């Protein structure tokens, strides 16, 4: 597989600039799906993973629970 990829990348270097740019954008989109956004720090990724875990474990208030709290404090 790696050989095919390297061969393709060698051919891409001979494509017109606009086609090369399209190839770059396609690869960036694939990379973002595979490894996530390159703009996120390790701390950002850890925080997002912790949040996703909280959701899976049901540690967050439901919409109904939030509405109940707001309703209680609006009346006070």
N, C-alpha and C. Protein backbone atom coordinates (compact mmCIF):
# COMPACT_ATOMS: atom_id res chain seq x y z
N UNK A 1 0.83 -1.20 0.00
CA UNK A 1 0.00 0.00 0.00
C UNK A 1 0.87 1.25 0.00
N UNK A 2 1.91 1.26 0.83
CA UNK A 2 2.76 2.44 0.92
C UNK A 2 3.45 2.74 -0.41
N UNK A 3 3.83 1.71 -1.14
CA UNK A 3 4.47 1.90 -2.44
C UNK A 3 3.52 2.60 -3.41
N UNK A 4 2.26 2.17 -3.41
CA UNK A 4 1.26 2.79 -4.29
C UNK A 4 1.09 4.26 -3.93
N UNK A 5 1.07 4.55 -2.63
CA UNK A 5 0.90 5.93 -2.18
C UNK A 5 2.08 6.79 -2.63
N UNK A 6 3.28 6.28 -2.44
CA UNK A 6 4.48 7.04 -2.85
C UNK A 6 4.50 7.26 -4.36
N UNK A 7 4.11 6.25 -5.11
CA UNK A 7 4.06 6.39 -6.57
C UNK A 7 3.05 7.46 -6.97
N UNK A 8 1.90 7.46 -6.31
CA UNK A 8 0.87 8.45 -6.61
C UNK A 8 1.36 9.85 -6.27
N UNK A 9 1.99 10.00 -5.11
CA UNK A 9 2.49 11.32 -4.72
C UNK A 9 3.56 11.82 -5.69
N UNK A 10 4.36 10.93 -6.21
CA UNK A 10 5.34 11.33 -7.23
C UNK A 10 4.64 11.85 -8.49
N UNK A 11 3.56 11.20 -8.90
CA UNK A 11 2.82 11.65 -10.09
C UNK A 11 2.12 12.98 -9.84
N UNK A 12 1.62 13.16 -8.61
CA UNK A 12 0.90 14.40 -8.27
C UNK A 12 1.80 15.62 -8.47
N UNK A 13 3.08 15.46 -8.25
CA UNK A 13 4.01 16.58 -8.41
C UNK A 13 4.04 17.11 -9.84
N UNK A 14 3.56 16.33 -10.80
CA UNK A 14 3.53 16.76 -12.19
C UNK A 14 2.16 17.29 -12.62
N UNK A 15 1.21 17.29 -11.72
CA UNK A 15 -0.12 17.80 -12.01
C UNK A 15 -0.10 19.32 -12.04
N UNK A 16 -1.12 19.94 -12.65
CA UNK A 16 -1.24 21.40 -12.60
C UNK A 16 -1.44 21.86 -11.14
N UNK A 17 -1.01 23.09 -10.82
CA UNK A 17 -1.10 23.58 -9.45
C UNK A 17 -2.48 23.47 -8.82
N UNK A 18 -3.54 23.76 -9.58
CA UNK A 18 -4.87 23.69 -8.99
C UNK A 18 -5.26 22.25 -8.65
N UNK A 19 -4.82 21.30 -9.44
CA UNK A 19 -5.09 19.89 -9.13
C UNK A 19 -4.28 19.45 -7.92
N UNK A 20 -3.05 19.94 -7.80
CA UNK A 20 -2.24 19.63 -6.62
C UNK A 20 -2.91 20.18 -5.35
N UNK A 21 -3.43 21.39 -5.44
CA UNK A 21 -4.11 22.00 -4.29
C UNK A 21 -5.33 21.18 -3.89
N UNK A 22 -6.08 20.71 -4.88
CA UNK A 22 -7.24 19.86 -4.59
C UNK A 22 -6.81 18.57 -3.89
N UNK A 23 -5.71 17.99 -4.34
CA UNK A 23 -5.18 16.78 -3.70
C UNK A 23 -4.78 17.05 -2.26
N UNK A 24 -4.13 18.18 -2.02
CA UNK A 24 -3.72 18.56 -0.66
C UNK A 24 -4.95 18.72 0.22
N UNK A 25 -5.97 19.42 -0.25
CA UNK A 25 -7.18 19.63 0.54
C UNK A 25 -7.87 18.29 0.86
N UNK A 26 -7.88 17.39 -0.10
CA UNK A 26 -8.48 16.07 0.13
C UNK A 26 -7.72 15.30 1.21
N UNK A 27 -6.39 15.33 1.13
CA UNK A 27 -5.57 14.64 2.13
C UNK A 27 -5.73 15.27 3.51
N UNK A 28 -5.83 16.60 3.58
CA UNK A 28 -6.04 17.26 4.86
C UNK A 28 -7.38 16.86 5.48
N UNK A 29 -8.41 16.75 4.65
CA UNK A 29 -9.73 16.34 5.15
C UNK A 29 -9.68 14.92 5.69
N UNK A 30 -8.98 14.03 5.00
CA UNK A 30 -8.84 12.65 5.47
C UNK A 30 -8.06 12.63 6.78
N UNK A 31 -6.97 13.39 6.84
CA UNK A 31 -6.16 13.43 8.05
C UNK A 31 -6.97 13.92 9.24
N UNK A 32 -7.81 14.93 9.04
CA UNK A 32 -8.62 15.45 10.14
C UNK A 32 -9.58 14.39 10.66
N UNK A 33 -10.15 13.57 9.75
CA UNK A 33 -11.04 12.49 10.19
C UNK A 33 -10.27 11.42 10.97
N UNK A 34 -9.04 11.16 10.56
CA UNK A 34 -8.26 10.07 11.16
C UNK A 34 -7.63 10.49 12.48
N UNK A 35 -7.03 11.67 12.53
CA UNK A 35 -6.29 12.07 13.73
C UNK A 35 -6.88 13.27 14.44
N UNK A 36 -7.90 13.85 13.88
CA UNK A 36 -8.51 15.02 14.50
C UNK A 36 -7.91 16.31 13.98
N UNK A 37 -8.41 17.39 14.49
CA UNK A 37 -7.96 18.71 14.06
C UNK A 37 -6.55 18.98 14.53
N UNK A 38 -5.67 19.40 13.64
CA UNK A 38 -4.29 19.68 14.05
C UNK A 38 -4.19 20.92 14.93
N UNK A 39 -5.24 21.71 15.03
CA UNK A 39 -5.22 22.93 15.83
C UNK A 39 -5.48 22.65 17.31
N UNK A 40 -5.87 21.43 17.66
CA UNK A 40 -6.17 21.11 19.04
C UNK A 40 -4.89 20.70 19.77
N UNK A 41 -4.74 21.21 20.97
CA UNK A 41 -3.59 20.82 21.79
C UNK A 41 -3.89 19.47 22.44
N UNK A 42 -2.88 18.86 23.03
CA UNK A 42 -3.09 17.61 23.76
C UNK A 42 -4.07 17.82 24.91
N UNK A 43 -3.97 18.99 25.55
CA UNK A 43 -4.88 19.31 26.65
C UNK A 43 -6.32 19.42 26.14
N UNK A 44 -6.51 20.06 24.96
CA UNK A 44 -7.84 20.16 24.36
C UNK A 44 -8.41 18.77 24.08
N UNK A 45 -7.59 17.90 23.50
CA UNK A 45 -8.05 16.54 23.18
C UNK A 45 -8.42 15.78 24.45
N UNK A 46 -7.62 15.94 25.50
CA UNK A 46 -7.92 15.26 26.77
C UNK A 46 -9.23 15.77 27.36
N UNK A 47 -9.46 17.07 27.28
CA UNK A 47 -10.69 17.65 27.80
C UNK A 47 -11.90 17.14 27.01
N UNK A 48 -11.79 17.08 25.71
CA UNK A 48 -12.88 16.57 24.88
C UNK A 48 -13.15 15.09 25.17
N UNK A 49 -12.09 14.32 25.37
CA UNK A 49 -12.26 12.89 25.69
C UNK A 49 -12.95 12.73 27.04
N UNK A 50 -12.58 13.56 28.01
CA UNK A 50 -13.22 13.49 29.33
C UNK A 50 -14.70 13.86 29.23
N UNK A 51 -15.02 14.87 28.44
CA UNK A 51 -16.42 15.27 28.25
C UNK A 51 -17.22 14.16 27.60
N UNK A 52 -16.64 13.54 26.58
CA UNK A 52 -17.34 12.44 25.90
C UNK A 52 -17.58 11.29 26.88
N UNK A 53 -16.60 11.03 27.74
CA UNK A 53 -16.76 9.97 28.74
C UNK A 53 -17.88 10.33 29.72
N UNK A 54 -17.95 11.59 30.15
CA UNK A 54 -19.02 12.03 31.04
C UNK A 54 -20.39 11.81 30.41
N UNK A 55 -20.50 12.10 29.12
CA UNK A 55 -21.76 11.90 28.41
C UNK A 55 -22.11 10.41 28.40
N UNK A 56 -21.13 9.56 28.06
CA UNK A 56 -21.37 8.11 28.02
C UNK A 56 -21.82 7.58 29.38
N UNK A 57 -21.25 8.12 30.45
CA UNK A 57 -21.56 7.62 31.79
C UNK A 57 -22.77 8.31 32.42
N UNK A 58 -23.39 9.23 31.70
CA UNK A 58 -24.59 9.89 32.20
C UNK A 58 -24.31 10.86 33.33
N UNK A 59 -23.16 11.46 33.35
CA UNK A 59 -22.79 12.37 34.44
C UNK A 59 -23.30 13.79 34.23
N UNK A 60 -23.93 14.05 33.12
CA UNK A 60 -24.42 15.39 32.84
C UNK A 60 -25.92 15.45 33.07
N UNK A 61 -26.39 16.64 33.39
CA UNK A 61 -27.82 16.83 33.62
C UNK A 61 -28.58 16.67 32.30
N UNK A 62 -29.76 16.10 32.41
CA UNK A 62 -30.62 15.98 31.23
C UNK A 62 -31.26 17.35 30.95
N UNK A 63 -31.84 17.50 29.79
CA UNK A 63 -32.54 18.74 29.45
C UNK A 63 -33.66 19.02 30.45
N UNK A 64 -34.38 17.97 30.83
CA UNK A 64 -35.47 18.15 31.80
C UNK A 64 -34.95 18.61 33.15
N UNK A 65 -33.83 18.08 33.59
CA UNK A 65 -33.24 18.49 34.87
C UNK A 65 -32.81 19.97 34.83
N UNK A 66 -32.25 20.38 33.72
CA UNK A 66 -31.83 21.78 33.58
C UNK A 66 -33.05 22.69 33.59
N UNK A 67 -34.10 22.32 32.86
CA UNK A 67 -35.33 23.12 32.85
C UNK A 67 -35.92 23.23 34.25
N UNK A 68 -35.88 22.14 35.00
CA UNK A 68 -36.42 22.13 36.36
C UNK A 68 -35.65 23.12 37.25
N UNK A 69 -34.36 23.15 37.15
CA UNK A 69 -33.55 24.07 37.96
C UNK A 69 -33.86 25.52 37.57
N UNK A 70 -33.91 25.79 36.27
CA UNK A 70 -34.21 27.16 35.84
C UNK A 70 -35.60 27.58 36.29
N UNK A 71 -36.57 26.68 36.19
CA UNK A 71 -37.94 27.00 36.60
C UNK A 71 -37.98 27.29 38.10
N UNK A 72 -37.27 26.52 38.89
CA UNK A 72 -37.26 26.71 40.34
C UNK A 72 -36.68 28.07 40.71
N UNK A 73 -35.61 28.47 40.07
CA UNK A 73 -34.96 29.73 40.44
C UNK A 73 -35.64 30.95 39.82
N UNK A 74 -36.39 30.77 38.75
CA UNK A 74 -37.16 31.89 38.18
C UNK A 74 -38.28 32.29 39.11
N UNK A 75 -38.84 31.34 39.82
CA UNK A 75 -39.97 31.58 40.70
C UNK A 75 -39.54 32.20 42.04
N UNK A 76 -38.31 32.01 42.41
CA UNK A 76 -37.83 32.47 43.72
C UNK A 76 -37.66 33.97 43.78
